[in-house]
Amino acid sequence: MKISVELTLTPLQDDFEPAIIHFIKKLRNSGLKVLENPLSTQVYGDYDVVMQLLTQEIKEAFELIERGLLYMKIVKSDRHNYEPHF
């Protein structure tokens, strides 16, 4: 089954940019479809592959920060081609 995941990593500390950049670069190097905007990063692909990747990378991201939040939305479909019709 295909999924779309939207992620927003929010370290609750000073000097937060290196942790976010590291997290996004790891997602980019996964071979999955990854799109970014100023507020979030989206990952698209097969459920098992995406969730296995996110389990690893979220754990590593949390190990690199003192405190933080990760907001995640999951949609059951591949929405990477979505275009608004208005």
C-alpha atoms as a PDB file:
ATOM      1  CA  MET A   1       0.000   0.000   0.000  1.00  0.00           C
ATOM      2  CA  LYS A   2       1.234   3.481  -0.856  1.00  0.00           C
ATOM      3  CA  ILE A   3       1.376   6.279   1.717  1.00  0.00           C
ATOM      4  CA  SER A   4       2.234   9.954   1.940  1.00  0.00           C
ATOM      5  CA  VAL A   5       3.818  11.252   5.141  1.00  0.00           C
ATOM      6  CA  GLU A   6       4.246  14.882   6.143  1.00  0.00           C
ATOM      7  CA  LEU A   7       6.894  15.555   8.799  1.00  0.00           C
ATOM      8  CA  THR A   8       7.809  18.634  10.794  1.00  0.00           C
ATOM      9  CA  LEU A   9      10.800  18.256  13.115  1.00  0.00           C
ATOM     10  CA  THR A  10      10.969  20.950  15.788  1.00  0.00           C
ATOM     11  CA  PRO A  11      13.992  20.805  18.101  1.00  0.00           C
ATOM     12  CA  LEU A  12      13.272  22.752  21.306  1.00  0.00           C
ATOM     13  CA  GLN A  13      16.751  24.156  21.733  1.00  0.00           C
ATOM     14  CA  ASP A  14      19.131  26.764  20.406  1.00  0.00           C
ATOM     15  CA  ASP A  15      21.238  25.801  17.392  1.00  0.00           C
ATOM     16  CA  PHE A  16      18.436  23.696  15.910  1.00  0.00           C
ATOM     17  CA  GLU A  17      19.300  23.951  12.213  1.00  0.00           C
ATOM     18  CA  PRO A  18      22.025  21.265  12.041  1.00  0.00           C
ATOM     19  CA  ALA A  19      19.655  18.595  13.391  1.00  0.00           C
ATOM     20  CA  ILE A  20      16.930  19.501  10.888  1.00  0.00           C
ATOM     21  CA  ILE A  21      19.363  19.609   7.961  1.00  0.00           C
ATOM     22  CA  HIS A  22      20.809  16.221   8.942  1.00  0.00           C
ATOM     23  CA  PHE A  23      17.323  14.688   9.171  1.00  0.00           C
ATOM     24  CA  ILE A  24      16.261  16.022   5.759  1.00  0.00           C
ATOM     25  CA  LYS A  25      19.505  14.909   4.084  1.00  0.00           C
ATOM     26  CA  LYS A  26      19.030  11.386   5.435  1.00  0.00           C
ATOM     27  CA  LEU A  27      15.498  11.303   4.013  1.00  0.00           C
ATOM     28  CA  ARG A  28      16.735  12.630   0.643  1.00  0.00           C
ATOM     29  CA  ASN A  29      19.349   9.864   0.454  1.00  0.00           C
ATOM     30  CA  SER A  30      16.764   7.122   1.044  1.00  0.00           C
ATOM     31  CA  GLY A  31      15.812   6.700  -2.611  1.00  0.00           C
ATOM     32  CA  LEU A  32      12.186   7.513  -1.810  1.00  0.00           C
ATOM     33  CA  LYS A  33      10.272  10.460  -3.270  1.00  0.00           C
ATOM     34  CA  VAL A  34      10.934  13.379  -0.887  1.00  0.00           C
ATOM     35  CA  LEU A  35       9.536  16.888  -1.318  1.00  0.00           C
ATOM     36  CA  GLU A  36      10.263  19.854   0.917  1.00  0.00           C
ATOM     37  CA  ASN A  37       8.780  23.226   1.641  1.00  0.00           C
ATOM     38  CA  PRO A  38       9.647  25.807   4.321  1.00  0.00           C
ATOM     39  CA  LEU A  39       7.287  24.232   6.873  1.00  0.00           C
ATOM     40  CA  SER A  40       7.564  20.477   6.350  1.00  0.00           C
ATOM     41  CA  THR A  41       9.029  17.549   4.465  1.00  0.00           C
ATOM     42  CA  GLN A  42       6.929  14.958   2.656  1.00  0.00           C
ATOM     43  CA  VAL A  43       7.935  11.350   2.004  1.00  0.00           C
ATOM     44  CA  TYR A  44       6.066   9.098  -0.439  1.00  0.00           C
ATOM     45  CA  GLY A  45       6.245   5.366  -1.045  1.00  0.00           C
ATOM     46  CA  ASP A  46       5.325   1.887   0.078  1.00  0.00           C
ATOM     47  CA  TYR A  47       4.063   1.745   3.674  1.00  0.00           C
ATOM     48  CA  ASP A  48       6.600  -0.799   4.939  1.00  0.00           C
ATOM     49  CA  VAL A  49       9.571   0.920   3.302  1.00  0.00           C
ATOM     50  CA  VAL A  50       8.594   4.420   4.444  1.00  0.00           C
ATOM     51  CA  MET A  51       7.798   3.381   8.005  1.00  0.00           C
ATOM     52  CA  GLN A  52      11.022   1.375   8.344  1.00  0.00           C
ATOM     53  CA  LEU A  53      13.010   4.407   7.153  1.00  0.00           C
ATOM     54  CA  LEU A  54      11.155   6.777   9.473  1.00  0.00           C
ATOM     55  CA  THR A  55      11.635   4.498  12.473  1.00  0.00           C
ATOM     56  CA  GLN A  56      15.412   4.640  11.949  1.00  0.00           C
ATOM     57  CA  GLU A  57      15.701   8.312  11.053  1.00  0.00           C
ATOM     58  CA  ILE A  58      13.356   9.644  13.732  1.00  0.00           C
ATOM     59  CA  LYS A  59      15.296   7.721  16.375  1.00  0.00           C
ATOM     60  CA  GLU A  60      18.597   9.139  15.085  1.00  0.00           C
ATOM     61  CA  ALA A  61      17.156  12.672  14.919  1.00  0.00           C
ATOM     62  CA  PHE A  62      15.956  12.420  18.521  1.00  0.00           C
ATOM     63  CA  GLU A  63      19.370  11.140  19.629  1.00  0.00           C
ATOM     64  CA  LEU A  64      20.977  14.255  18.081  1.00  0.00           C
ATOM     65  CA  ILE A  65      18.779  16.768  19.912  1.00  0.00           C
ATOM     66  CA  GLU A  66      18.254  17.457  23.580  1.00  0.00           C
ATOM     67  CA  ARG A  67      14.487  18.045  23.329  1.00  0.00           C
ATOM     68  CA  GLY A  68      12.123  18.190  20.393  1.00  0.00           C
ATOM     69  CA  LEU A  69       8.819  17.498  18.730  1.00  0.00           C
ATOM     70  CA  LEU A  70       8.013  15.660  15.546  1.00  0.00           C
ATOM     71  CA  TYR A  71       4.645  16.231  13.913  1.00  0.00           C
ATOM     72  CA  MET A  72       3.649  13.515  11.472  1.00  0.00           C
ATOM     73  CA  LYS A  73       0.608  13.102   9.231  1.00  0.00           C
ATOM     74  CA  ILE A  74       0.047   9.920   7.250  1.00  0.00           C
ATOM     75  CA  VAL A  75      -2.313   9.609   4.288  1.00  0.00           C
ATOM     76  CA  LYS A  76      -3.152   6.259   2.742  1.00  0.00           C
ATOM     77  CA  SER A  77      -2.303   7.108  -0.874  1.00  0.00           C
ATOM     78  CA  ASP A  78       0.596   8.519  -2.849  1.00  0.00           C
ATOM     79  CA  ARG A  79      -0.227  12.232  -3.093  1.00  0.00           C
ATOM     80  CA  HIS A  80       3.058  13.521  -4.567  1.00  0.00           C
ATOM     81  CA  ASN A  81       1.311  14.613  -7.786  1.00  0.00           C
ATOM     82  CA  TYR A  82      -1.442  16.542  -5.994  1.00  0.00           C
ATOM     83  CA  GLU A  83      -2.353  19.872  -7.553  1.00  0.00           C
ATOM     84  CA  PRO A  84      -5.148  22.081  -6.215  1.00  0.00           C
ATOM     85  CA  HIS A  85      -8.085  22.571  -8.584  1.00  0.00           C
ATOM     86  CA  PHE A  86      -9.085  26.077  -7.531  1.00  0.00           C
END
